[in-house]
Amino acid sequence: MVTVHLTRHLFSFFPRLEGKEIAVEASTAFEVVQALERTAPGIGFYICDERGRLRTHVNVFVDKQMIRDRRGLSDAVGPGSEVHIFQALSGG
């Protein structure tokens, strides 16, 4: 199982994930997003655009390393991996 950590801000959009340990079966970062989408519909489109590419305001880390493939999310994850999904916040 892969453990997924989301920034707190995402819980305001996807409250069904708040307070839960998020663990999914996946072998790539893309499969992590697909599994999240099955649990919380709409989160996949928040993370990726219509082409399946990581949105510019989102960063994904696998085991403390930023993923390299922002277009296809083909970076490998394995049993025991930790995936962190962050979105940039801006304001003035």
Protein backbone atom coordinates (compact mmCIF):
# COMPACT_ATOMS: atom_id res chain seq x y z
CA MET A 1 0.00 0.00 0.00
CA VAL A 2 1.05 3.57 -0.73
CA THR A 3 0.29 6.22 1.89
CA VAL A 4 -0.92 9.54 0.51
CA HIS A 5 -0.62 12.86 2.33
CA LEU A 6 -2.54 15.92 1.18
CA THR A 7 -2.11 19.53 2.16
CA ARG A 8 -4.75 20.72 4.57
CA HIS A 9 -6.20 23.10 2.00
CA LEU A 10 -7.39 20.20 -0.16
CA PHE A 11 -9.69 18.98 2.62
CA SER A 12 -11.90 22.05 2.14
CA PHE A 13 -12.60 20.79 -1.40
CA PHE A 14 -12.62 17.08 -0.55
CA PRO A 15 -13.90 16.80 3.04
CA ARG A 16 -14.52 13.04 2.79
CA LEU A 17 -10.72 12.58 2.94
CA GLU A 18 -10.16 14.67 6.07
CA GLY A 19 -9.13 12.77 9.16
CA LYS A 20 -8.60 9.53 7.28
CA GLU A 21 -5.44 7.63 6.60
CA ILE A 22 -5.27 7.52 2.82
CA ALA A 23 -3.69 4.31 1.57
CA VAL A 24 -4.02 3.08 -2.01
CA GLU A 25 -2.76 0.29 -4.22
CA ALA A 26 -0.64 1.81 -6.99
CA SER A 27 2.61 1.32 -8.89
CA THR A 28 2.90 4.82 -10.43
CA ALA A 29 2.04 8.37 -9.40
CA PHE A 30 -0.71 8.33 -12.04
CA GLU A 31 -2.29 5.27 -10.44
CA VAL A 32 -2.23 7.11 -7.10
CA VAL A 33 -4.26 9.93 -8.67
CA GLN A 34 -6.68 7.42 -10.21
CA ALA A 35 -7.19 5.73 -6.83
CA LEU A 36 -7.80 9.09 -5.16
CA GLU A 37 -10.35 9.94 -7.86
CA ARG A 38 -12.30 6.76 -7.06
CA THR A 39 -12.40 7.76 -3.39
CA ALA A 40 -13.06 11.49 -3.85
CA PRO A 41 -14.50 12.26 -7.29
CA GLY A 42 -13.08 15.47 -8.72
CA ILE A 43 -9.70 15.37 -7.01
CA GLY A 44 -8.08 13.90 -10.11
CA PHE A 45 -9.08 16.95 -12.15
CA TYR A 46 -7.86 19.21 -9.37
CA ILE A 47 -4.43 17.55 -9.56
CA CYS A 48 -4.21 16.96 -13.34
CA ASP A 49 -5.46 18.86 -16.37
CA GLU A 50 -7.63 17.45 -19.16
CA ARG A 51 -4.55 15.90 -20.79
CA GLY A 52 -3.58 14.05 -17.62
CA ARG A 53 -0.62 16.34 -16.96
CA LEU A 54 0.14 17.62 -13.49
CA ARG A 55 -1.27 21.11 -13.10
CA THR A 56 1.30 23.89 -12.72
CA HIS A 57 0.11 24.78 -9.22
CA VAL A 58 0.51 21.19 -7.95
CA ASN A 59 3.64 19.33 -6.87
CA VAL A 60 3.87 15.63 -6.10
CA PHE A 61 6.64 14.02 -4.08
CA VAL A 62 7.30 10.30 -3.82
CA ASP A 63 9.42 9.35 -0.83
CA LYS A 64 10.61 12.98 -0.45
CA GLN A 65 11.64 13.29 -4.12
CA MET A 66 9.72 15.52 -6.51
CA ILE A 67 8.37 13.47 -9.39
CA ARG A 68 10.18 13.90 -12.70
CA ASP A 69 7.37 13.08 -15.12
CA ARG A 70 4.86 15.93 -14.79
CA ARG A 71 3.23 14.97 -18.10
CA GLY A 72 2.40 11.31 -17.55
CA LEU A 73 3.06 10.81 -13.83
CA SER A 74 4.91 7.60 -14.65
CA ASP A 75 7.20 7.86 -11.61
CA ALA A 76 7.19 4.58 -9.72
CA VAL A 77 5.75 4.08 -6.26
CA GLY A 78 6.09 0.92 -4.28
CA PRO A 79 4.72 -0.79 -1.20
CA GLY A 80 5.42 1.47 1.75
CA SER A 81 5.99 4.58 -0.39
CA GLU A 82 4.73 7.91 0.84
CA VAL A 83 3.24 10.33 -1.66
CA HIS A 84 2.76 13.99 -0.76
CA ILE A 85 0.53 16.19 -2.91
CA PHE A 86 0.95 19.94 -2.48
CA GLN A 87 -0.70 22.85 -4.22
CA ALA A 88 0.72 26.33 -4.38
CA LEU A 89 -1.19 29.04 -2.57
CA SER A 90 -0.84 32.65 -3.58
CA GLY A 91 -2.40 35.87 -2.66
CA GLY A 92 -1.68 39.44 -2.01
